[in-house]
Amino acid sequence: MLRSILPEGVEVEELHGDSVAVLFPQEAAVVADAVAERRREFTSVRVCARKALRRLGCPPVPLVPDAAGAPVWPQGVVGSMTHCRGYRAAAVAPAGRWQSVGVDAEPRLPLPAGVLEAISLPEEREWLRALGRAHAEIPWDRLLFSTKEAVYKVWFPLTARRLEFEQARVTLRPDGSFLAELLVPRPPFRTLVGRWSAGDEHLVTAAAVPRAT
């Protein structure tokens, strides 16, 4: 799913379910006290990441979260991980060509009651109502949430700053694209164009910022 919506030059590895693997000691320490489900998703998404990194010529290395929870990638690489029930994926790219990559996956289900109001702007909710009337088969509220997560994953490595849900205004398009406008002073990019895809059970969103030539 992600492979089809990310540009050429970004390596993607996806997994439906879990994979058994031995973690590096530094990684194992992160989830030593976690529940079994958390350990499985943590391990499986790193299996995806290492397979994608191998295609960039990178040897296996520990992928440990930083203080903010974002994965620390090998030097010369940018990337993003995502996981939800039944799906894990990682996308990586050479930092010489790309500034940042962000991906997110969510179940193809509506958001719980009350969540949309917490993560959206009034105009976004109006757009979602129009999209829902025209394309009722897509849970647009969940797709909006996923898109904002992907935008954040692009944003944070470039700024090391939080981005609140109301600080990005997202326009979702039925053609599988989205436009995010950053509503903060002096952002590293004013707008971000990305893509989304809906499978039978999952929604995925992705964006990548190329490095200026």
N, C-alpha and C. Protein backbone atom coordinates (compact mmCIF):
# COMPACT_ATOMS: atom_id res chain seq x y z
N MET A 1 0.81 -1.20 0.00
CA MET A 1 0.00 0.00 0.00
C MET A 1 0.85 1.26 0.00
N LEU A 2 1.83 1.32 0.92
CA LEU A 2 2.68 2.51 0.97
C LEU A 2 3.57 2.64 -0.24
N ARG A 3 4.03 1.50 -0.73
CA ARG A 3 4.94 1.54 -1.87
C ARG A 3 4.32 2.29 -3.05
N SER A 4 3.02 2.17 -3.20
CA SER A 4 2.35 2.77 -4.36
C SER A 4 2.14 4.27 -4.21
N ILE A 5 2.30 4.83 -3.01
CA ILE A 5 2.02 6.25 -2.83
C ILE A 5 3.25 7.06 -2.45
N LEU A 6 4.41 6.42 -2.34
CA LEU A 6 5.64 7.16 -2.08
C LEU A 6 6.45 7.30 -3.36
N PRO A 7 7.21 8.38 -3.49
CA PRO A 7 7.95 8.62 -4.74
C PRO A 7 9.11 7.65 -4.93
N GLU A 8 9.57 7.56 -6.15
CA GLU A 8 10.73 6.73 -6.47
C GLU A 8 11.94 7.25 -5.69
N GLY A 9 12.71 6.32 -5.18
CA GLY A 9 13.87 6.68 -4.38
C GLY A 9 13.66 6.48 -2.90
N VAL A 10 12.39 6.31 -2.49
CA VAL A 10 12.08 5.99 -1.09
C VAL A 10 11.84 4.49 -1.00
N GLU A 11 12.60 3.80 -0.17
CA GLU A 11 12.47 2.36 -0.03
C GLU A 11 11.43 2.03 1.04
N VAL A 12 10.55 1.10 0.74
CA VAL A 12 9.44 0.77 1.63
C VAL A 12 9.42 -0.74 1.88
N GLU A 13 9.12 -1.13 3.11
CA GLU A 13 8.88 -2.52 3.45
C GLU A 13 7.63 -2.59 4.31
N GLU A 14 6.71 -3.47 3.93
CA GLU A 14 5.43 -3.60 4.63
C GLU A 14 5.23 -5.04 5.10
N LEU A 15 4.48 -5.19 6.17
CA LEU A 15 4.23 -6.51 6.74
C LEU A 15 2.82 -6.55 7.30
N HIS A 16 2.05 -7.53 6.87
CA HIS A 16 0.72 -7.75 7.44
C HIS A 16 0.85 -8.84 8.50
N GLY A 17 0.81 -8.44 9.74
CA GLY A 17 1.04 -9.37 10.83
C GLY A 17 2.37 -9.10 11.50
N ASP A 18 2.98 -10.15 12.05
CA ASP A 18 4.21 -9.98 12.80
C ASP A 18 5.30 -10.89 12.27
N SER A 19 6.54 -10.53 12.59
CA SER A 19 7.70 -11.31 12.22
C SER A 19 8.54 -11.56 13.47
N VAL A 20 9.06 -12.75 13.59
CA VAL A 20 9.89 -13.09 14.73
C VAL A 20 11.35 -12.74 14.41
N ALA A 21 12.00 -12.04 15.30
CA ALA A 21 13.39 -11.66 15.09
C ALA A 21 14.04 -11.38 16.43
N VAL A 22 15.36 -11.41 16.44
CA VAL A 22 16.12 -11.08 17.64
C VAL A 22 16.49 -9.61 17.58
N LEU A 23 16.13 -8.87 18.61
CA LEU A 23 16.46 -7.45 18.67
C LEU A 23 17.90 -7.25 19.12
N PHE A 24 18.47 -6.12 18.77
CA PHE A 24 19.74 -5.70 19.37
C PHE A 24 19.49 -5.44 20.86
N PRO A 25 20.52 -5.63 21.68
CA PRO A 25 20.32 -5.41 23.13
C PRO A 25 19.77 -4.03 23.46
N GLN A 26 20.22 -3.00 22.74
CA GLN A 26 19.73 -1.64 23.00
C GLN A 26 18.23 -1.54 22.72
N GLU A 27 17.77 -2.24 21.69
CA GLU A 27 16.35 -2.23 21.34
C GLU A 27 15.54 -3.04 22.36
N ALA A 28 16.06 -4.21 22.70
CA ALA A 28 15.35 -5.07 23.66
C ALA A 28 15.14 -4.36 24.98
N ALA A 29 16.09 -3.52 25.37
CA ALA A 29 15.96 -2.81 26.64
C ALA A 29 14.78 -1.83 26.62
N VAL A 30 14.47 -1.30 25.43
CA VAL A 30 13.38 -0.32 25.32
C VAL A 30 12.04 -0.97 25.65
N VAL A 31 11.86 -2.23 25.26
CA VAL A 31 10.55 -2.89 25.44
C VAL A 31 10.62 -4.02 26.46
N ALA A 32 11.64 -4.00 27.29
CA ALA A 32 11.81 -5.10 28.26
C ALA A 32 10.61 -5.23 29.19
N ASP A 33 9.99 -4.13 29.53
CA ASP A 33 8.86 -4.16 30.47
C ASP A 33 7.52 -3.98 29.76
N ALA A 34 7.50 -4.01 28.44
CA ALA A 34 6.26 -3.79 27.69
C ALA A 34 5.44 -5.07 27.60
N VAL A 35 4.16 -4.91 27.30
CA VAL A 35 3.29 -6.07 27.12
C VAL A 35 3.68 -6.78 25.82
N ALA A 36 3.22 -8.01 25.66
CA ALA A 36 3.63 -8.84 24.52
C ALA A 36 3.27 -8.19 23.19
N GLU A 37 2.09 -7.60 23.09
CA GLU A 37 1.69 -6.99 21.82
C GLU A 37 2.62 -5.86 21.43
N ARG A 38 2.99 -5.03 22.41
CA ARG A 38 3.93 -3.93 22.14
C ARG A 38 5.28 -4.47 21.68
N ARG A 39 5.77 -5.53 22.30
CA ARG A 39 7.06 -6.10 21.89
C ARG A 39 6.98 -6.65 20.47
N ARG A 40 5.83 -7.26 20.12
CA ARG A 40 5.70 -7.80 18.76
C ARG A 40 5.71 -6.69 17.71
N GLU A 41 4.94 -5.62 17.94
CA GLU A 41 4.90 -4.56 16.94
C GLU A 41 6.23 -3.82 16.86
N PHE A 42 6.88 -3.62 18.00
CA PHE A 42 8.19 -2.97 18.04
C PHE A 42 9.20 -3.77 17.23
N THR A 43 9.18 -5.09 17.43
CA THR A 43 10.12 -5.96 16.71
C THR A 43 9.80 -6.00 15.23
N SER A 44 8.54 -6.20 14.88
CA SER A 44 8.16 -6.39 13.48
C SER A 44 8.43 -5.15 12.64
N VAL A 45 8.18 -3.97 13.20
CA VAL A 45 8.40 -2.77 12.40
C VAL A 45 9.90 -2.55 12.19
N ARG A 46 10.72 -3.03 13.11
CA ARG A 46 12.17 -2.94 12.90
C ARG A 46 12.67 -3.98 11.90
N VAL A 47 12.00 -5.10 11.82
CA VAL A 47 12.30 -6.02 10.73
C VAL A 47 12.05 -5.34 9.39
N CYS A 48 10.92 -4.65 9.28
CA CYS A 48 10.63 -3.90 8.04
C CYS A 48 11.70 -2.86 7.77
N ALA A 49 12.07 -2.11 8.79
CA ALA A 49 13.04 -1.04 8.61
C ALA A 49 14.39 -1.58 8.15
N ARG A 50 14.85 -2.69 8.76
CA ARG A 50 16.15 -3.23 8.38
C ARG A 50 16.14 -3.77 6.95
N LYS A 51 15.02 -4.35 6.52
CA LYS A 51 14.93 -4.81 5.13
C LYS A 51 14.99 -3.63 4.16
N ALA A 52 14.30 -2.55 4.50
CA ALA A 52 14.33 -1.36 3.64
C ALA A 52 15.72 -0.73 3.64
N LEU A 53 16.36 -0.66 4.81
CA LEU A 53 17.70 -0.09 4.89
C LEU A 53 18.71 -0.92 4.10
N ARG A 54 18.52 -2.23 4.07
CA ARG A 54 19.44 -3.09 3.32
C ARG A 54 19.45 -2.70 1.85
N ARG A 55 18.29 -2.30 1.33
CA ARG A 55 18.22 -1.91 -0.08
C ARG A 55 18.92 -0.58 -0.34
N LEU A 56 19.19 0.18 0.73
CA LEU A 56 20.00 1.40 0.60
C LEU A 56 21.48 1.10 0.84
N GLY A 57 21.80 -0.16 1.10
CA GLY A 57 23.19 -0.53 1.35
C GLY A 57 23.62 -0.36 2.79
N CYS A 58 22.66 -0.24 3.73
CA CYS A 58 22.98 -0.05 5.14
C CYS A 58 23.01 -1.39 5.86
N PRO A 59 24.03 -1.67 6.65
CA PRO A 59 24.07 -2.89 7.43
C PRO A 59 23.08 -2.81 8.59
N PRO A 60 22.72 -3.94 9.19
CA PRO A 60 21.80 -3.92 10.34
C PRO A 60 22.41 -3.14 11.51
N VAL A 61 21.63 -2.24 12.06
CA VAL A 61 22.06 -1.45 13.22
C VAL A 61 20.88 -1.31 14.18
N PRO A 62 21.14 -1.03 15.45
CA PRO A 62 20.04 -0.79 16.38
C PRO A 62 19.24 0.45 15.96
N LEU A 63 17.93 0.35 16.06
CA LEU A 63 17.04 1.48 15.76
C LEU A 63 16.28 1.79 17.04
N VAL A 64 16.87 2.69 17.82
CA VAL A 64 16.36 2.99 19.15
C VAL A 64 15.63 4.33 19.12
N PRO A 65 14.49 4.45 19.78
CA PRO A 65 13.79 5.74 19.81
C PRO A 65 14.59 6.78 20.60
N ASP A 66 14.44 8.05 20.16
CA ASP A 66 15.05 9.14 20.92
C ASP A 66 14.12 9.54 22.07
N ALA A 67 14.45 10.62 22.75
CA ALA A 67 13.66 11.04 23.92
C ALA A 67 12.22 11.37 23.55
N ALA A 68 11.98 11.75 22.31
CA ALA A 68 10.63 12.07 21.86
C ALA A 68 9.90 10.87 21.28
N GLY A 69 10.57 9.73 21.22
CA GLY A 69 9.95 8.52 20.70
C GLY A 69 10.16 8.29 19.23
N ALA A 70 10.88 9.19 18.55
CA ALA A 70 11.14 9.03 17.12
C ALA A 70 12.35 8.13 16.91
N PRO A 71 12.33 7.26 15.89
CA PRO A 71 13.49 6.39 15.66
C PRO A 71 14.72 7.17 15.22
N VAL A 72 15.87 6.75 15.71
CA VAL A 72 17.14 7.35 15.31
C VAL A 72 17.70 6.52 14.16
N TRP A 73 17.81 7.12 12.98
CA TRP A 73 18.24 6.41 11.78
C TRP A 73 19.74 6.48 11.61
N PRO A 74 20.32 5.56 10.85
CA PRO A 74 21.76 5.65 10.56
C PRO A 74 22.10 6.97 9.87
N GLN A 75 23.33 7.39 10.03
CA GLN A 75 23.77 8.62 9.38
C GLN A 75 23.56 8.52 7.87
N GLY A 76 23.04 9.59 7.28
CA GLY A 76 22.81 9.62 5.85
C GLY A 76 21.47 9.06 5.42
N VAL A 77 20.59 8.76 6.41
CA VAL A 77 19.29 8.17 6.10
C VAL A 77 18.20 8.97 6.81
N VAL A 78 17.09 9.17 6.13
CA VAL A 78 15.88 9.67 6.77
C VAL A 78 14.82 8.59 6.64
N GLY A 79 13.85 8.59 7.54
CA GLY A 79 12.86 7.53 7.46
C GLY A 79 11.71 7.72 8.41
N SER A 80 10.80 6.76 8.37
CA SER A 80 9.61 6.79 9.22
C SER A 80 9.09 5.37 9.39
N MET A 81 8.51 5.10 10.55
CA MET A 81 7.90 3.80 10.84
C MET A 81 6.44 4.01 11.20
N THR A 82 5.65 2.97 11.01
CA THR A 82 4.26 3.00 11.45
C THR A 82 3.78 1.59 11.74
N HIS A 83 2.83 1.50 12.65
CA HIS A 83 2.22 0.19 12.91
C HIS A 83 0.83 0.41 13.49
N CYS A 84 -0.06 -0.47 13.14
CA CYS A 84 -1.37 -0.56 13.76
C CYS A 84 -1.76 -2.04 13.73
N ARG A 85 -2.89 -2.37 14.26
CA ARG A 85 -3.27 -3.78 14.35
C ARG A 85 -3.27 -4.43 12.97
N GLY A 86 -2.43 -5.45 12.80
CA GLY A 86 -2.39 -6.20 11.56
C GLY A 86 -1.52 -5.61 10.47
N TYR A 87 -0.77 -4.54 10.76
CA TYR A 87 0.02 -3.91 9.70
C TYR A 87 1.22 -3.20 10.32
N ARG A 88 2.40 -3.40 9.72
CA ARG A 88 3.63 -2.70 10.11
C ARG A 88 4.34 -2.27 8.83
N ALA A 89 5.01 -1.13 8.87
CA ALA A 89 5.71 -0.66 7.67
C ALA A 89 6.79 0.34 8.05
N ALA A 90 7.79 0.44 7.18
CA ALA A 90 8.86 1.43 7.33
C ALA A 90 9.23 1.96 5.96
N ALA A 91 9.58 3.23 5.92
CA ALA A 91 10.03 3.87 4.69
C ALA A 91 11.33 4.61 4.99
N VAL A 92 12.34 4.42 4.15
CA VAL A 92 13.64 5.06 4.34
C VAL A 92 14.12 5.62 3.01
N ALA A 93 14.98 6.63 3.11
CA ALA A 93 15.48 7.28 1.89
C ALA A 93 16.84 7.91 2.18
N PRO A 94 17.67 8.09 1.14
CA PRO A 94 18.97 8.74 1.35
C PRO A 94 18.79 10.22 1.67
N ALA A 95 19.47 10.67 2.72
CA ALA A 95 19.34 12.05 3.15
C ALA A 95 19.92 13.04 2.12
N GLY A 96 20.75 12.56 1.23
CA GLY A 96 21.26 13.44 0.19
C GLY A 96 20.20 13.86 -0.80
N ARG A 97 19.11 13.09 -0.91
CA ARG A 97 18.04 13.40 -1.85
C ARG A 97 16.77 13.86 -1.16
N TRP A 98 16.59 13.46 0.10
CA TRP A 98 15.33 13.73 0.79
C TRP A 98 15.61 14.33 2.16
N GLN A 99 14.83 15.34 2.53
CA GLN A 99 14.97 15.97 3.85
C GLN A 99 14.24 15.18 4.93
N SER A 100 13.08 14.67 4.60
CA SER A 100 12.28 13.98 5.60
C SER A 100 11.21 13.14 4.92
N VAL A 101 10.81 12.08 5.61
CA VAL A 101 9.75 11.18 5.14
C VAL A 101 8.80 10.91 6.31
N GLY A 102 7.52 10.89 6.03
CA GLY A 102 6.55 10.56 7.08
C GLY A 102 5.49 9.61 6.56
N VAL A 103 5.22 8.54 7.30
CA VAL A 103 4.19 7.57 6.91
C VAL A 103 3.34 7.24 8.14
N ASP A 104 2.08 6.91 7.88
CA ASP A 104 1.20 6.49 8.97
C ASP A 104 0.20 5.48 8.43
N ALA A 105 -0.21 4.56 9.30
CA ALA A 105 -1.23 3.56 8.97
C ALA A 105 -2.25 3.52 10.09
N GLU A 106 -3.50 3.34 9.71
CA GLU A 106 -4.60 3.28 10.66
C GLU A 106 -5.59 2.21 10.21
N PRO A 107 -6.37 1.65 11.13
CA PRO A 107 -7.44 0.74 10.72
C PRO A 107 -8.49 1.49 9.91
N ARG A 108 -9.10 0.79 8.97
CA ARG A 108 -10.14 1.42 8.14
C ARG A 108 -11.47 1.42 8.92
N LEU A 109 -11.51 2.25 9.95
CA LEU A 109 -12.66 2.36 10.83
C LEU A 109 -12.85 3.83 11.21
N PRO A 110 -14.07 4.25 11.49
CA PRO A 110 -14.27 5.63 11.96
C PRO A 110 -13.57 5.87 13.29
N LEU A 111 -13.25 7.12 13.57
CA LEU A 111 -12.66 7.47 14.86
C LEU A 111 -13.69 7.28 15.98
N PRO A 112 -13.23 7.01 17.18
CA PRO A 112 -14.15 6.98 18.33
C PRO A 112 -14.85 8.33 18.49
N ALA A 113 -16.00 8.31 19.10
CA ALA A 113 -16.78 9.53 19.30
C ALA A 113 -15.96 10.58 20.05
N GLY A 114 -16.01 11.81 19.57
CA GLY A 114 -15.34 12.93 20.22
C GLY A 114 -13.93 13.20 19.77
N VAL A 115 -13.28 12.23 19.10
CA VAL A 115 -11.89 12.42 18.70
C VAL A 115 -11.76 13.42 17.56
N LEU A 116 -12.68 13.36 16.60
CA LEU A 116 -12.58 14.26 15.45
C LEU A 116 -12.55 15.72 15.90
N GLU A 117 -13.39 16.07 16.84
CA GLU A 117 -13.44 17.46 17.30
C GLU A 117 -12.12 17.89 17.95
N ALA A 118 -11.41 16.93 18.50
CA ALA A 118 -10.15 17.23 19.18
C ALA A 118 -8.98 17.38 18.22
N ILE A 119 -9.08 16.81 17.02
CA ILE A 119 -7.92 16.79 16.12
C ILE A 119 -8.14 17.62 14.85
N SER A 120 -9.29 18.27 14.72
CA SER A 120 -9.59 18.94 13.45
C SER A 120 -10.00 20.39 13.64
N LEU A 121 -9.89 21.15 12.56
CA LEU A 121 -10.36 22.52 12.50
C LEU A 121 -11.80 22.54 12.00
N PRO A 122 -12.57 23.58 12.31
CA PRO A 122 -13.96 23.63 11.84
C PRO A 122 -14.10 23.47 10.33
N GLU A 123 -13.21 24.11 9.56
CA GLU A 123 -13.31 23.99 8.10
C GLU A 123 -13.00 22.57 7.63
N GLU A 124 -12.11 21.88 8.34
CA GLU A 124 -11.82 20.49 7.97
C GLU A 124 -13.05 19.62 8.19
N ARG A 125 -13.75 19.84 9.29
CA ARG A 125 -14.95 19.05 9.54
C ARG A 125 -16.02 19.31 8.48
N GLU A 126 -16.10 20.53 8.01
CA GLU A 126 -17.05 20.84 6.94
C GLU A 126 -16.66 20.11 5.66
N TRP A 127 -15.38 20.10 5.33
CA TRP A 127 -14.92 19.39 4.13
C TRP A 127 -15.19 17.89 4.26
N LEU A 128 -14.98 17.34 5.45
CA LEU A 128 -15.20 15.91 5.65
C LEU A 128 -16.67 15.54 5.45
N ARG A 129 -17.56 16.40 5.89
CA ARG A 129 -18.98 16.12 5.69
C ARG A 129 -19.32 16.04 4.21
N ALA A 130 -18.73 16.95 3.41
CA ALA A 130 -18.97 16.93 1.97
C ALA A 130 -18.36 15.68 1.33
N LEU A 131 -17.16 15.31 1.76
CA LEU A 131 -16.54 14.09 1.24
C LEU A 131 -17.35 12.86 1.61
N GLY A 132 -17.86 12.84 2.83
CA GLY A 132 -18.64 11.69 3.27
C GLY A 132 -19.92 11.51 2.48
N ARG A 133 -20.54 12.62 2.08
CA ARG A 133 -21.75 12.52 1.27
C ARG A 133 -21.45 11.96 -0.11
N ALA A 134 -20.29 12.31 -0.65
CA ALA A 134 -19.94 11.88 -2.01
C ALA A 134 -19.26 10.51 -2.03
N HIS A 135 -18.54 10.16 -0.96
CA HIS A 135 -17.76 8.91 -0.93
C HIS A 135 -17.89 8.30 0.46
N ALA A 136 -19.05 7.76 0.73
CA ALA A 136 -19.35 7.27 2.08
C ALA A 136 -18.54 6.03 2.46
N GLU A 137 -17.89 5.38 1.49
CA GLU A 137 -17.16 4.15 1.79
C GLU A 137 -15.83 4.40 2.51
N ILE A 138 -15.37 5.65 2.53
CA ILE A 138 -14.10 5.99 3.16
C ILE A 138 -14.37 6.62 4.53
N PRO A 139 -13.72 6.15 5.61
CA PRO A 139 -13.83 6.81 6.91
C PRO A 139 -12.93 8.06 6.93
N TRP A 140 -13.46 9.15 6.44
CA TRP A 140 -12.66 10.35 6.23
C TRP A 140 -12.10 10.92 7.53
N ASP A 141 -12.82 10.74 8.63
CA ASP A 141 -12.30 11.26 9.89
C ASP A 141 -11.01 10.55 10.28
N ARG A 142 -10.99 9.23 10.13
CA ARG A 142 -9.76 8.47 10.44
C ARG A 142 -8.66 8.82 9.45
N LEU A 143 -9.01 9.03 8.20
CA LEU A 143 -8.01 9.39 7.21
C LEU A 143 -7.39 10.75 7.52
N LEU A 144 -8.20 11.69 8.00
CA LEU A 144 -7.66 12.99 8.41
C LEU A 144 -6.67 12.82 9.55
N PHE A 145 -7.03 12.00 10.54
CA PHE A 145 -6.12 11.75 11.65
C PHE A 145 -4.81 11.16 11.15
N SER A 146 -4.89 10.17 10.27
CA SER A 146 -3.69 9.54 9.74
C SER A 146 -2.83 10.54 8.99
N THR A 147 -3.46 11.39 8.21
CA THR A 147 -2.72 12.39 7.45
C THR A 147 -1.96 13.33 8.37
N LYS A 148 -2.61 13.77 9.43
CA LYS A 148 -1.94 14.68 10.36
C LYS A 148 -0.78 13.98 11.07
N GLU A 149 -0.91 12.70 11.32
CA GLU A 149 0.20 11.94 11.90
C GLU A 149 1.38 11.88 10.93
N ALA A 150 1.10 11.63 9.66
CA ALA A 150 2.18 11.58 8.66
C ALA A 150 2.85 12.94 8.52
N VAL A 151 2.05 14.01 8.54
CA VAL A 151 2.61 15.37 8.46
C VAL A 151 3.53 15.62 9.65
N TYR A 152 3.09 15.21 10.84
CA TYR A 152 3.92 15.39 12.02
C TYR A 152 5.25 14.65 11.89
N LYS A 153 5.22 13.45 11.34
CA LYS A 153 6.44 12.66 11.21
C LYS A 153 7.40 13.27 10.19
N VAL A 154 6.88 14.02 9.23
CA VAL A 154 7.75 14.79 8.34
C VAL A 154 8.30 16.00 9.08
N TRP A 155 7.45 16.67 9.83
CA TRP A 155 7.78 17.92 10.51
C TRP A 155 8.84 17.75 11.60
N PHE A 156 8.67 16.76 12.47
CA PHE A 156 9.47 16.72 13.69
C PHE A 156 10.98 16.57 13.43
N PRO A 157 11.43 15.70 12.52
CA PRO A 157 12.88 15.60 12.31
C PRO A 157 13.51 16.90 11.81
N LEU A 158 12.72 17.75 11.18
CA LEU A 158 13.25 19.01 10.65
C LEU A 158 13.26 20.12 11.67
N THR A 159 12.46 20.00 12.72
CA THR A 159 12.29 21.11 13.66
C THR A 159 12.57 20.74 15.11
N ALA A 160 12.43 19.46 15.46
CA ALA A 160 12.52 19.01 16.86
C ALA A 160 11.50 19.75 17.72
N ARG A 161 10.37 20.12 17.12
CA ARG A 161 9.31 20.81 17.86
C ARG A 161 7.99 20.07 17.66
N ARG A 162 7.12 20.18 18.66
CA ARG A 162 5.78 19.61 18.53
C ARG A 162 4.99 20.38 17.48
N LEU A 163 4.07 19.68 16.87
CA LEU A 163 3.12 20.31 15.96
C LEU A 163 1.73 19.85 16.40
N GLU A 164 0.94 20.77 16.89
CA GLU A 164 -0.39 20.40 17.37
C GLU A 164 -1.32 20.13 16.19
N PHE A 165 -2.37 19.37 16.45
CA PHE A 165 -3.29 19.01 15.37
C PHE A 165 -3.86 20.25 14.69
N GLU A 166 -4.15 21.30 15.46
CA GLU A 166 -4.77 22.49 14.87
C GLU A 166 -3.76 23.38 14.13
N GLN A 167 -2.49 23.01 14.15
CA GLN A 167 -1.47 23.80 13.47
C GLN A 167 -1.20 23.33 12.05
N ALA A 168 -1.94 22.34 11.60
CA ALA A 168 -1.86 21.88 10.21
C ALA A 168 -3.28 21.77 9.67
N ARG A 169 -3.54 22.48 8.58
CA ARG A 169 -4.86 22.41 7.94
C ARG A 169 -4.75 21.51 6.72
N VAL A 170 -5.51 20.42 6.74
CA VAL A 170 -5.37 19.38 5.73
C VAL A 170 -6.59 19.37 4.81
N THR A 171 -6.33 19.34 3.53
CA THR A 171 -7.36 19.15 2.52
C THR A 171 -7.17 17.78 1.90
N LEU A 172 -8.13 16.89 2.13
CA LEU A 172 -8.11 15.56 1.53
C LEU A 172 -8.83 15.58 0.20
N ARG A 173 -8.29 14.86 -0.77
CA ARG A 173 -8.88 14.84 -2.10
C ARG A 173 -9.25 13.41 -2.48
N PRO A 174 -10.39 13.22 -3.14
CA PRO A 174 -10.81 11.87 -3.50
C PRO A 174 -9.86 11.15 -4.46
N ASP A 175 -8.96 11.89 -5.12
CA ASP A 175 -8.04 11.26 -6.07
C ASP A 175 -6.86 10.58 -5.39
N GLY A 176 -6.84 10.57 -4.04
CA GLY A 176 -5.75 9.92 -3.33
C GLY A 176 -4.61 10.84 -2.95
N SER A 177 -4.83 12.14 -3.00
CA SER A 177 -3.80 13.10 -2.60
C SER A 177 -4.30 13.95 -1.44
N PHE A 178 -3.38 14.65 -0.80
CA PHE A 178 -3.76 15.61 0.22
C PHE A 178 -2.80 16.79 0.19
N LEU A 179 -3.27 17.91 0.70
CA LEU A 179 -2.46 19.11 0.86
C LEU A 179 -2.54 19.54 2.31
N ALA A 180 -1.39 19.71 2.95
CA ALA A 180 -1.32 20.19 4.33
C ALA A 180 -0.71 21.58 4.34
N GLU A 181 -1.37 22.52 5.00
CA GLU A 181 -0.87 23.88 5.16
C GLU A 181 -0.43 24.06 6.61
N LEU A 182 0.79 24.48 6.82
CA LEU A 182 1.33 24.67 8.16
C LEU A 182 0.96 26.05 8.68
N LEU A 183 0.28 26.09 9.82
CA LEU A 183 -0.24 27.33 10.39
C LEU A 183 0.62 27.77 11.57
N VAL A 184 1.92 27.82 11.35
CA VAL A 184 2.87 28.22 12.39
C VAL A 184 3.84 29.24 11.79
N PRO A 185 4.46 30.08 12.62
CA PRO A 185 5.43 31.05 12.10
C PRO A 185 6.68 30.35 11.57
N ARG A 186 7.17 30.79 10.45
CA ARG A 186 8.45 30.36 9.87
C ARG A 186 8.63 28.85 9.85
N PRO A 187 7.72 28.12 9.23
CA PRO A 187 7.88 26.67 9.14
C PRO A 187 8.96 26.31 8.11
N PRO A 188 9.55 25.12 8.20
CA PRO A 188 10.53 24.71 7.19
C PRO A 188 9.91 24.51 5.82
N PHE A 189 8.60 24.30 5.77
CA PHE A 189 7.85 24.27 4.52
C PHE A 189 6.47 24.82 4.83
N ARG A 190 5.92 25.58 3.91
CA ARG A 190 4.61 26.17 4.14
C ARG A 190 3.49 25.20 3.80
N THR A 191 3.69 24.42 2.74
CA THR A 191 2.70 23.42 2.36
C THR A 191 3.40 22.09 2.12
N LEU A 192 2.65 21.03 2.27
CA LEU A 192 3.17 19.69 2.06
C LEU A 192 2.13 18.89 1.28
N VAL A 193 2.56 18.32 0.18
CA VAL A 193 1.68 17.49 -0.65
C VAL A 193 2.01 16.04 -0.39
N GLY A 194 1.01 15.22 -0.17
CA GLY A 194 1.22 13.80 0.04
C GLY A 194 0.11 12.99 -0.59
N ARG A 195 0.13 11.69 -0.29
CA ARG A 195 -0.87 10.80 -0.89
C ARG A 195 -1.42 9.85 0.17
N TRP A 196 -2.57 9.28 -0.14
CA TRP A 196 -3.20 8.31 0.76
C TRP A 196 -3.74 7.14 -0.06
N SER A 197 -3.96 6.03 0.63
CA SER A 197 -4.52 4.85 -0.02
C SER A 197 -5.40 4.11 1.00
N ALA A 198 -6.47 3.53 0.52
CA ALA A 198 -7.39 2.77 1.37
C ALA A 198 -7.43 1.33 0.91
N GLY A 199 -7.04 0.41 1.79
CA GLY A 199 -7.16 -1.01 1.51
C GLY A 199 -8.40 -1.57 2.17
N ASP A 200 -8.55 -2.88 2.13
CA ASP A 200 -9.73 -3.51 2.72
C ASP A 200 -9.81 -3.29 4.22
N GLU A 201 -8.65 -3.27 4.90
CA GLU A 201 -8.65 -3.19 6.36
C GLU A 201 -7.89 -1.98 6.90
N HIS A 202 -7.07 -1.33 6.07
CA HIS A 202 -6.21 -0.27 6.58
C HIS A 202 -6.23 0.95 5.67
N LEU A 203 -5.90 2.10 6.28
CA LEU A 203 -5.64 3.34 5.57
C LEU A 203 -4.16 3.68 5.75
N VAL A 204 -3.51 4.17 4.70
CA VAL A 204 -2.13 4.61 4.82
C VAL A 204 -1.98 6.00 4.21
N THR A 205 -1.10 6.78 4.79
CA THR A 205 -0.81 8.13 4.30
C THR A 205 0.70 8.32 4.29
N ALA A 206 1.18 9.15 3.38
CA ALA A 206 2.63 9.32 3.25
C ALA A 206 2.96 10.64 2.59
N ALA A 207 4.11 11.18 2.97
CA ALA A 207 4.64 12.38 2.32
C ALA A 207 6.15 12.36 2.45
N ALA A 208 6.82 13.00 1.51
CA ALA A 208 8.29 13.09 1.54
C ALA A 208 8.69 14.47 1.02
N VAL A 209 9.67 15.06 1.66
CA VAL A 209 10.16 16.39 1.28
C VAL A 209 11.51 16.22 0.59
N PRO A 210 11.59 16.54 -0.70
CA PRO A 210 12.88 16.41 -1.38
C PRO A 210 13.86 17.50 -0.94
N ARG A 211 15.13 17.20 -1.10
CA ARG A 211 16.15 18.19 -0.80
C ARG A 211 16.35 19.08 -2.01
N ALA A 212 16.42 20.38 -1.77
CA ALA A 212 16.57 21.31 -2.87
C ALA A 212 17.88 21.06 -3.60
N THR A 213 17.87 21.19 -4.92
CA THR A 213 19.08 20.99 -5.71
C THR A 213 19.74 22.32 -5.96
